[in-house]
């Protein structure tokens, strides 16, 4: 099972209604949810709607803090690597960095989560 995160923006494409355009899409295994919890970002990444988060700009500070924490203490976080190899620190940090970059680039984009 996996988590897919999408960022969408409404644009005027010339039709009668605004269109949702995807600006970012990324998928990661649920096996990393414990690591995310230890980094203090589980609800932000997996369940932002439960925190009232709707747009990417609301994620920036917490994602930045989580990535910094994980990079500062890699050995601590590596202990939460999935035993089956599907979900590792080495996979998760770059994924989070790309998500953070997209949030910074598209701060008004709507967040969509598929679990």
C-alpha atoms as a PDB file:
ATOM      1  CA  UNK A   1       0.000   0.000   0.000  1.00  0.00           C
ATOM      2  CA  UNK A   2       1.138   3.521  -0.639  1.00  0.00           C
ATOM      3  CA  UNK A   3       0.515   7.194  -0.178  1.00  0.00           C
ATOM      4  CA  UNK A   4       0.112   9.514  -3.156  1.00  0.00           C
ATOM      5  CA  UNK A   5       0.367  13.258  -2.689  1.00  0.00           C
ATOM      6  CA  UNK A   6      -0.815  15.670  -5.339  1.00  0.00           C
ATOM      7  CA  UNK A   7      -0.762  19.447  -5.602  1.00  0.00           C
ATOM      8  CA  UNK A   8      -3.382  21.056  -7.842  1.00  0.00           C
ATOM      9  CA  UNK A   9      -4.052  24.585  -8.960  1.00  0.00           C
ATOM     10  CA  UNK A  10      -7.175  26.076 -10.523  1.00  0.00           C
ATOM     11  CA  UNK A  11      -6.407  27.810 -13.791  1.00  0.00           C
ATOM     12  CA  UNK A  12      -8.471  29.656 -16.332  1.00  0.00           C
ATOM     13  CA  UNK A  13      -7.950  27.642 -19.505  1.00  0.00           C
ATOM     14  CA  UNK A  14     -10.505  29.691 -21.427  1.00  0.00           C
ATOM     15  CA  UNK A  15     -13.497  27.438 -20.826  1.00  0.00           C
ATOM     16  CA  UNK A  16     -16.603  28.044 -18.769  1.00  0.00           C
ATOM     17  CA  UNK A  17     -15.016  26.744 -15.557  1.00  0.00           C
ATOM     18  CA  UNK A  18     -11.608  26.753 -13.929  1.00  0.00           C
ATOM     19  CA  UNK A  19      -9.588  23.582 -14.464  1.00  0.00           C
ATOM     20  CA  UNK A  20      -7.572  21.693 -11.857  1.00  0.00           C
ATOM     21  CA  UNK A  21      -4.022  21.334 -13.115  1.00  0.00           C
ATOM     22  CA  UNK A  22      -1.596  19.024 -11.353  1.00  0.00           C
ATOM     23  CA  UNK A  23       1.642  20.737 -10.386  1.00  0.00           C
ATOM     24  CA  UNK A  24       3.141  17.880  -8.338  1.00  0.00           C
ATOM     25  CA  UNK A  25       2.505  14.173  -7.831  1.00  0.00           C
ATOM     26  CA  UNK A  26       4.524  11.738  -5.734  1.00  0.00           C
ATOM     27  CA  UNK A  27       4.015   8.280  -4.301  1.00  0.00           C
ATOM     28  CA  UNK A  28       5.679   6.645  -1.284  1.00  0.00           C
ATOM     29  CA  UNK A  29       5.112   3.482   0.724  1.00  0.00           C
ATOM     30  CA  UNK A  30       3.031   3.429   3.898  1.00  0.00           C
ATOM     31  CA  UNK A  31       5.951   1.578   5.480  1.00  0.00           C
ATOM     32  CA  UNK A  32       7.457   4.996   6.221  1.00  0.00           C
ATOM     33  CA  UNK A  33       4.628   6.253   8.414  1.00  0.00           C
ATOM     34  CA  UNK A  34       6.423   5.318  11.657  1.00  0.00           C
ATOM     35  CA  UNK A  35       9.506   7.232  10.542  1.00  0.00           C
ATOM     36  CA  UNK A  36       7.297  10.190   9.626  1.00  0.00           C
ATOM     37  CA  UNK A  37       5.730  10.053  13.088  1.00  0.00           C
ATOM     38  CA  UNK A  38       9.124  10.084  14.774  1.00  0.00           C
ATOM     39  CA  UNK A  39      10.062  13.108  12.633  1.00  0.00           C
ATOM     40  CA  UNK A  40       6.896  14.925  13.705  1.00  0.00           C
ATOM     41  CA  UNK A  41       5.430  15.057  10.207  1.00  0.00           C
ATOM     42  CA  UNK A  42       3.078  12.066   9.999  1.00  0.00           C
ATOM     43  CA  UNK A  43      -0.185  14.008  10.127  1.00  0.00           C
ATOM     44  CA  UNK A  44       1.185  16.706   7.817  1.00  0.00           C
ATOM     45  CA  UNK A  45       2.199  14.186   5.170  1.00  0.00           C
ATOM     46  CA  UNK A  46      -0.416  11.429   5.566  1.00  0.00           C
ATOM     47  CA  UNK A  47      -3.426  13.294   6.973  1.00  0.00           C
ATOM     48  CA  UNK A  48      -3.152  17.054   6.423  1.00  0.00           C
ATOM     49  CA  UNK A  49      -6.929  17.417   6.169  1.00  0.00           C
ATOM     50  CA  UNK A  50      -7.227  16.346   9.816  1.00  0.00           C
ATOM     51  CA  UNK A  51      -5.098  19.393  10.720  1.00  0.00           C
ATOM     52  CA  UNK A  52      -7.158  21.732   8.554  1.00  0.00           C
ATOM     53  CA  UNK A  53      -4.364  22.020   6.000  1.00  0.00           C
ATOM     54  CA  UNK A  54      -5.659  22.694   2.504  1.00  0.00           C
ATOM     55  CA  UNK A  55      -2.841  24.363   0.552  1.00  0.00           C
ATOM     56  CA  UNK A  56       0.842  23.633   0.067  1.00  0.00           C
ATOM     57  CA  UNK A  57       2.079  26.814   1.732  1.00  0.00           C
ATOM     58  CA  UNK A  58       0.705  25.552   5.038  1.00  0.00           C
ATOM     59  CA  UNK A  59       3.124  22.600   4.837  1.00  0.00           C
ATOM     60  CA  UNK A  60       6.397  24.437   4.291  1.00  0.00           C
ATOM     61  CA  UNK A  61       7.570  25.137   7.831  1.00  0.00           C
ATOM     62  CA  UNK A  62       6.750  21.699   9.214  1.00  0.00           C
ATOM     63  CA  UNK A  63       8.181  19.811   6.231  1.00  0.00           C
ATOM     64  CA  UNK A  64      11.355  21.902   6.394  1.00  0.00           C
ATOM     65  CA  UNK A  65      11.706  21.198  10.123  1.00  0.00           C
ATOM     66  CA  UNK A  66      11.084  17.478   9.612  1.00  0.00           C
ATOM     67  CA  UNK A  67      13.648  17.162   6.835  1.00  0.00           C
ATOM     68  CA  UNK A  68      16.230  19.088   8.861  1.00  0.00           C
ATOM     69  CA  UNK A  69      15.587  16.856  11.880  1.00  0.00           C
ATOM     70  CA  UNK A  70      15.941  13.718   9.784  1.00  0.00           C
ATOM     71  CA  UNK A  71      19.175  14.914   8.176  1.00  0.00           C
ATOM     72  CA  UNK A  72      20.623  15.904  11.545  1.00  0.00           C
ATOM     73  CA  UNK A  73      19.979  12.454  13.074  1.00  0.00           C
ATOM     74  CA  UNK A  74      20.107   9.950  10.193  1.00  0.00           C
ATOM     75  CA  UNK A  75      21.100   6.937  12.283  1.00  0.00           C
ATOM     76  CA  UNK A  76      18.156   7.461  14.608  1.00  0.00           C
ATOM     77  CA  UNK A  77      15.708   7.553  11.699  1.00  0.00           C
ATOM     78  CA  UNK A  78      17.313   4.655   9.835  1.00  0.00           C
ATOM     79  CA  UNK A  79      16.276   2.338  12.659  1.00  0.00           C
ATOM     80  CA  UNK A  80      12.711   2.784  11.365  1.00  0.00           C
ATOM     81  CA  UNK A  81      13.545   1.483   7.882  1.00  0.00           C
ATOM     82  CA  UNK A  82      11.087  -1.182   6.803  1.00  0.00           C
ATOM     83  CA  UNK A  83      12.461  -4.641   7.535  1.00  0.00           C
ATOM     84  CA  UNK A  84      11.380  -5.823   4.084  1.00  0.00           C
ATOM     85  CA  UNK A  85      13.379  -3.037   2.391  1.00  0.00           C
ATOM     86  CA  UNK A  86      10.269  -1.301   1.063  1.00  0.00           C
ATOM     87  CA  UNK A  87      10.617   2.091   2.704  1.00  0.00           C
ATOM     88  CA  UNK A  88      13.967   3.443   3.792  1.00  0.00           C
ATOM     89  CA  UNK A  89      15.440   6.669   5.076  1.00  0.00           C
ATOM     90  CA  UNK A  90      17.362   6.930   1.802  1.00  0.00           C
ATOM     91  CA  UNK A  91      14.047   6.882  -0.102  1.00  0.00           C
ATOM     92  CA  UNK A  92      12.068   9.092   2.227  1.00  0.00           C
ATOM     93  CA  UNK A  93      14.346  12.117   2.684  1.00  0.00           C
ATOM     94  CA  UNK A  94      14.675  12.862  -1.063  1.00  0.00           C
ATOM     95  CA  UNK A  95      10.912  12.320  -1.475  1.00  0.00           C
ATOM     96  CA  UNK A  96      10.225  14.809   1.316  1.00  0.00           C
ATOM     97  CA  UNK A  97      12.692  17.284  -0.173  1.00  0.00           C
ATOM     98  CA  UNK A  98      10.877  17.145  -3.527  1.00  0.00           C
ATOM     99  CA  UNK A  99       7.531  17.599  -1.793  1.00  0.00           C
ATOM    100  CA  UNK A 100       8.914  20.572   0.156  1.00  0.00           C
ATOM    101  CA  UNK A 101      10.316  22.112  -3.045  1.00  0.00           C
ATOM    102  CA  UNK A 102       6.901  21.769  -4.707  1.00  0.00           C
ATOM    103  CA  UNK A 103       5.173  23.358  -1.703  1.00  0.00           C
ATOM    104  CA  UNK A 104       7.566  26.297  -1.863  1.00  0.00           C
ATOM    105  CA  UNK A 105       7.101  26.663  -5.617  1.00  0.00           C
ATOM    106  CA  UNK A 106       3.302  26.303  -5.524  1.00  0.00           C
ATOM    107  CA  UNK A 107       2.210  27.599  -2.092  1.00  0.00           C
ATOM    108  CA  UNK A 108      -1.401  28.185  -3.165  1.00  0.00           C
ATOM    109  CA  UNK A 109      -1.817  24.714  -4.685  1.00  0.00           C
ATOM    110  CA  UNK A 110      -4.506  22.503  -3.164  1.00  0.00           C
ATOM    111  CA  UNK A 111      -3.296  19.307  -1.522  1.00  0.00           C
ATOM    112  CA  UNK A 112      -4.840  15.976  -2.466  1.00  0.00           C
ATOM    113  CA  UNK A 113      -3.995  12.792  -0.587  1.00  0.00           C
ATOM    114  CA  UNK A 114      -4.764   9.213  -1.631  1.00  0.00           C
ATOM    115  CA  UNK A 115      -4.155   6.511   0.951  1.00  0.00           C
END
